[in-house]
Each structure stands twice: as C-alpha cells, then as structure tokens.
Amino acid sequence: MIMKTHHFFLLNLRPWPAIIRVASFNLLLSLLLLIKFRNLFCFTFSLLNVVIFSMFWWITYRAEFNLEGKNSLNLEKGLKLRIILFISSEVFFFFSFFWSYFHYFLSPVVELGISWPPVNVECFDFLGVPLINTLVLIGSGLTVTVRHYFLIEGSIKMSNFWLIFTIFLGIFFTYLQLVEYNNSFFSIRDGSFGTSFFYVNWISWDPRSSRILVSSD
C-alpha cells in the first residue's frame, strides 16, 4: 500500500480544542450576563478558563512542533503566510473605521448639525488620555522590537523581560481605554460620532443621565 507523504503534520489527539470551544461559548454567555446583569464574576472565570486552556494547548503544540522534530520549511512558510493574511485583515478592518470617520468628518450631514463633532457633543482633550494612550501604544511596539532583537541575540532573560514589559504596556493601554470610555461625555448611541468612537459594542457610562447605557446593535 502506497502512502502519500506531505511536509505538514497533524497534532496528536488532544482534548484542548474541544475544551476551548466549550470555554469560548461560556465566555460569550458570560459576556451577555456582564452586559445585562453586570455579573463580573462569571465573565472573569470564563476568561481565565479560555486563557489557561489555551496555554496548555500552545505548550502541547510547541512540544510537538519543536521538541519532537516535526517542524519543516514548508510548514514555517505556511505559518508566515497566515500571519501576513491576519495582519492584512486587521489593516482592512481598521481601514473601514478610518473611512467612516473621515467620511463624516469631511462631509457632515444636516442631521449632525453640519459640523463634526456633532452639535452638543463634547470631545476629549487630545493632550490628555488620548495622547498618553498613543505614547503607550507606540512604546509597546518599541519594546516588542527590542525583545525580538534580544531573542535573535540569544539573550533569553532580557527577551523575557522586554516581553513582560510589553504585556504590562498592553494591560495599561486597556486600562486607559476603560477610563476613557467610562468618563466620556457621550455614548455609543450618540449618532455616528459615538458609534465611531465606541466601535466595539460594550457598556458605557453616560454622565449626563447618570445611568448605564448598553448598546443593542
């Protein structure tokens, strides 16, 4: 019997994909509970489940990919191509938001008061949290580049240090985003401006009415 060979390999039978699927579904349900009933415990528990089980899956994949010698040149090319396609999808994803923003910015309609931002919408001072967030975002790109440099040089300790620093900047960036969202003077329901700002459906605080607004989009 002739067996066809190829340059790729299939992972051994593991329970992690099925477990992560269930955990991801629970994460979606807990997100709905968080939005509807502000149940933070279920969401945090489900998020930790996804992170922990994903780590076990990645550790297993790394062991089979590197330690068991199942790596190949064609497989590396395939992984690089996937990363290129992923980055390209992110470029088009954010391009759509920038297109929407500049469309309303350059030609505001009558419903917006022929002005951008719309009438009665107070914006953030760009020298405050937006500027800090921009610097943190640029800094995280710099630190991960330094980490890559030390990784090529073979300095594992320094590489791990800069990786941890990059993760810290990412967490700090997310925290600043949360502060910005919770202290905004508008909500996701405030026309195209609010929708462009809160481009992810989430809970936002409206200080004008002192209540929680939940997007139903």
Protein backbone atom coordinates (compact mmCIF):
# COMPACT_ATOMS: atom_id res chain seq x y z
CA MET A 1 0.00 0.00 0.00
CA ILE A 2 1.47 3.33 -1.10
CA MET A 3 1.24 6.13 1.46
CA LYS A 4 1.21 9.73 0.30
CA THR A 5 3.60 11.87 2.31
CA HIS A 6 3.49 15.61 2.88
CA HIS A 7 5.51 18.26 4.67
CA PHE A 8 2.87 19.00 7.30
CA PHE A 9 1.87 17.21 10.44
CA LEU A 10 -1.34 16.73 12.35
CA LEU A 11 -1.40 17.26 16.08
CA ASN A 12 -1.91 14.24 18.26
CA LEU A 13 -5.37 13.65 19.65
CA ARG A 14 -5.78 16.14 22.50
CA PRO A 15 -8.80 17.34 24.50
CA TRP A 16 -7.82 21.02 24.38
CA PRO A 17 -9.65 22.07 21.16
CA ALA A 18 -12.97 20.69 22.42
CA ILE A 19 -12.46 22.19 25.89
CA ILE A 20 -11.58 25.60 24.45
CA ARG A 21 -14.67 25.55 22.24
CA VAL A 22 -16.86 24.99 25.30
CA ALA A 23 -14.93 27.62 27.26
CA SER A 24 -15.29 30.14 24.42
CA PHE A 25 -19.04 29.55 24.30
CA ASN A 26 -19.22 30.08 28.06
CA LEU A 27 -17.20 33.28 27.62
CA LEU A 28 -19.81 34.59 25.16
CA LEU A 29 -22.65 33.77 27.55
CA SER A 30 -20.82 35.37 30.46
CA LEU A 31 -20.25 38.49 28.34
CA LEU A 32 -24.00 38.75 27.82
CA LEU A 33 -24.52 38.33 31.57
CA LEU A 34 -21.98 41.09 32.18
CA ILE A 35 -23.74 43.46 29.81
CA LYS A 36 -27.23 42.64 31.07
CA PHE A 37 -26.75 42.00 34.80
CA ARG A 38 -23.20 43.35 35.41
CA ASN A 39 -22.08 39.91 36.59
CA LEU A 40 -18.31 40.31 36.56
CA PHE A 41 -17.51 37.03 38.33
CA CYS A 42 -18.82 34.75 35.55
CA PHE A 43 -17.04 36.76 32.88
CA THR A 44 -13.71 36.73 34.76
CA PHE A 45 -13.99 32.99 35.45
CA SER A 46 -14.77 32.20 31.80
CA LEU A 47 -11.96 34.43 30.56
CA LEU A 48 -9.46 32.70 32.85
CA ASN A 49 -10.65 29.31 31.57
CA VAL A 50 -10.01 30.32 27.97
CA VAL A 51 -6.56 31.72 28.80
CA ILE A 52 -5.44 28.72 30.88
CA PHE A 53 -6.68 26.06 28.45
CA SER A 54 -5.14 27.97 25.53
CA MET A 55 -1.80 27.98 27.33
CA PHE A 56 -1.97 24.19 27.77
CA TRP A 57 -2.81 23.82 24.07
CA TRP A 58 0.08 26.09 23.00
CA ILE A 59 2.51 24.24 25.25
CA THR A 60 1.45 20.94 23.69
CA TYR A 61 1.78 22.36 20.18
CA ARG A 62 5.21 23.78 20.96
CA ALA A 63 6.41 20.41 22.27
CA GLU A 64 5.27 18.57 19.15
CA PHE A 65 6.47 21.33 16.82
CA ASN A 66 9.98 21.80 18.22
CA LEU A 67 10.94 19.06 20.69
CA GLU A 68 9.61 16.15 18.64
CA GLY A 69 11.20 17.50 15.44
CA LYS A 70 8.02 17.77 13.39
CA ASN A 71 8.97 21.18 12.04
CA SER A 72 9.60 21.68 8.32
CA LEU A 73 10.44 24.51 5.93
CA ASN A 74 7.07 24.35 4.16
CA LEU A 75 5.28 24.43 7.49
CA GLU A 76 7.17 27.58 8.50
CA LYS A 77 6.24 29.20 5.19
CA GLY A 78 2.61 28.36 5.83
CA LEU A 79 2.72 29.93 9.29
CA LYS A 80 4.33 33.09 7.91
CA LEU A 81 1.65 33.29 5.22
CA ARG A 82 -1.06 33.01 7.88
CA ILE A 83 0.48 35.87 9.83
CA ILE A 84 0.57 38.00 6.66
CA LEU A 85 -3.09 37.26 5.95
CA PHE A 86 -4.02 38.03 9.57
CA ILE A 87 -2.23 41.39 9.51
CA SER A 88 -3.83 42.20 6.14
CA SER A 89 -7.29 41.50 7.57
CA GLU A 90 -6.52 43.82 10.50
CA VAL A 91 -5.42 46.55 8.08
CA PHE A 92 -8.72 46.38 6.18
CA PHE A 93 -10.62 46.15 9.47
CA PHE A 94 -9.24 49.42 10.78
CA PHE A 95 -9.34 50.98 7.30
CA SER A 96 -13.13 50.67 7.38
CA PHE A 97 -13.30 52.62 10.64
CA PHE A 98 -10.98 55.35 9.39
CA TRP A 99 -13.01 55.56 6.17
CA SER A 100 -16.20 56.01 8.18
CA TYR A 101 -14.63 58.65 10.41
CA PHE A 102 -13.20 60.77 7.58
CA HIS A 103 -16.42 60.39 5.60
CA TYR A 104 -18.43 62.09 8.35
CA PHE A 105 -15.58 64.45 9.24
CA LEU A 106 -15.12 65.84 5.72
CA SER A 107 -18.81 65.97 4.77
CA PRO A 108 -21.05 66.15 7.87
CA VAL A 109 -24.72 65.83 7.07
CA VAL A 110 -27.59 68.05 8.19
CA GLU A 111 -28.62 65.57 10.89
CA LEU A 112 -25.25 66.19 12.57
CA GLY A 113 -25.70 69.95 12.50
CA ILE A 114 -23.31 70.23 9.53
CA SER A 115 -20.44 70.04 11.99
CA TRP A 116 -18.03 67.43 13.29
CA PRO A 117 -18.17 66.51 16.08
CA PRO A 118 -21.95 66.91 16.10
CA VAL A 119 -23.69 69.67 18.00
CA ASN A 120 -23.87 69.20 21.80
CA VAL A 121 -21.16 66.50 21.77
CA GLU A 122 -18.12 67.35 23.91
CA CYS A 123 -14.85 65.69 22.88
CA PHE A 124 -11.83 64.72 24.91
CA ASP A 125 -8.79 66.92 25.14
CA PHE A 126 -6.28 65.21 22.87
CA LEU A 127 -3.44 66.24 25.21
CA GLY A 128 -4.90 64.06 27.98
CA VAL A 129 -5.65 60.35 27.89
CA PRO A 130 -5.60 60.09 24.05
CA LEU A 131 -2.01 61.37 23.91
CA ILE A 132 -0.90 59.06 26.75
CA ASN A 133 -2.58 56.11 25.06
CA THR A 134 -0.83 56.91 21.79
CA LEU A 135 2.56 57.05 23.50
CA VAL A 136 1.87 53.77 25.31
CA LEU A 137 0.85 52.12 22.03
CA ILE A 138 3.98 53.32 20.24
CA GLY A 139 6.10 52.32 23.24
CA SER A 140 4.70 48.78 23.19
CA GLY A 141 5.76 48.47 19.55
CA LEU A 142 9.26 49.64 20.52
CA THR A 143 9.57 47.23 23.46
CA VAL A 144 8.44 44.21 21.44
CA THR A 145 11.02 45.15 18.77
CA VAL A 146 13.73 45.27 21.46
CA ARG A 147 12.50 41.90 22.69
CA HIS A 148 12.86 40.48 19.17
CA TYR A 149 16.41 41.82 18.99
CA PHE A 150 17.46 40.12 22.24
CA LEU A 151 15.74 36.92 21.10
CA ILE A 152 17.85 36.87 17.93
CA GLU A 153 20.96 37.53 20.01
CA GLY A 154 20.12 34.55 22.21
CA SER A 155 19.61 36.54 25.43
CA ILE A 156 16.56 34.74 26.78
CA LYS A 157 16.40 36.59 30.11
CA MET A 158 16.44 40.04 28.51
CA SER A 159 13.99 38.86 25.88
CA ASN A 160 11.56 37.66 28.56
CA PHE A 161 11.98 40.93 30.47
CA TRP A 162 11.01 43.05 27.47
CA LEU A 163 8.16 40.67 26.67
CA ILE A 164 6.75 41.09 30.19
CA PHE A 165 7.20 44.87 29.85
CA THR A 166 5.27 44.79 26.57
CA ILE A 167 2.44 42.82 28.18
CA PHE A 168 2.35 45.38 31.01
CA LEU A 169 2.04 48.21 28.48
CA GLY A 170 -0.79 46.34 26.78
CA ILE A 171 -2.66 45.96 30.08
CA PHE A 172 -2.03 49.62 30.90
CA PHE A 173 -3.32 50.64 27.46
CA THR A 174 -6.51 48.62 28.03
CA TYR A 175 -6.97 50.25 31.44
CA LEU A 176 -6.63 53.73 29.96
CA GLN A 177 -9.18 52.82 27.30
CA LEU A 178 -11.60 51.73 30.02
CA VAL A 179 -11.06 55.00 31.89
CA GLU A 180 -11.63 56.96 28.69
CA TYR A 181 -14.83 55.08 27.89
CA ASN A 182 -16.25 55.44 31.40
CA ASN A 183 -15.55 59.18 31.55
CA SER A 184 -16.78 60.10 28.10
CA PHE A 185 -19.37 62.83 27.63
CA PHE A 186 -21.22 60.79 25.02
CA SER A 187 -22.35 57.23 24.49
CA ILE A 188 -22.44 54.76 21.62
CA ARG A 189 -26.00 55.89 20.85
CA ASP A 190 -24.96 59.49 20.13
CA GLY A 191 -25.13 59.19 16.37
CA SER A 192 -22.29 58.37 14.02
CA PHE A 193 -19.72 60.07 16.26
CA GLY A 194 -20.49 57.85 19.24
CA THR A 195 -20.65 54.76 17.05
CA SER A 196 -17.25 55.56 15.51
CA PHE A 197 -15.74 56.11 18.95
CA PHE A 198 -17.26 53.04 20.58
CA TYR A 199 -16.73 50.79 17.59
CA VAL A 200 -16.94 47.75 19.88
CA ASN A 201 -20.36 47.09 21.44
CA TRP A 202 -19.77 47.49 25.15
CA ILE A 203 -21.08 49.15 28.32
CA SER A 204 -20.50 52.89 28.56
CA TRP A 205 -21.30 55.38 31.28
CA ASP A 206 -23.36 58.42 30.39
CA PRO A 207 -22.70 61.17 33.00
CA ARG A 208 -25.50 63.35 31.64
CA SER A 209 -28.21 60.88 32.69
CA SER A 210 -26.22 59.04 35.40
CA ARG A 211 -27.14 55.61 34.09
CA ILE A 212 -25.60 52.69 32.27
CA LEU A 213 -26.17 52.58 28.54
CA VAL A 214 -25.96 49.24 26.81
CA SER A 215 -25.61 49.01 23.07
CA SER A 216 -28.25 46.90 21.38
CA ASP A 217 -26.60 47.00 17.95
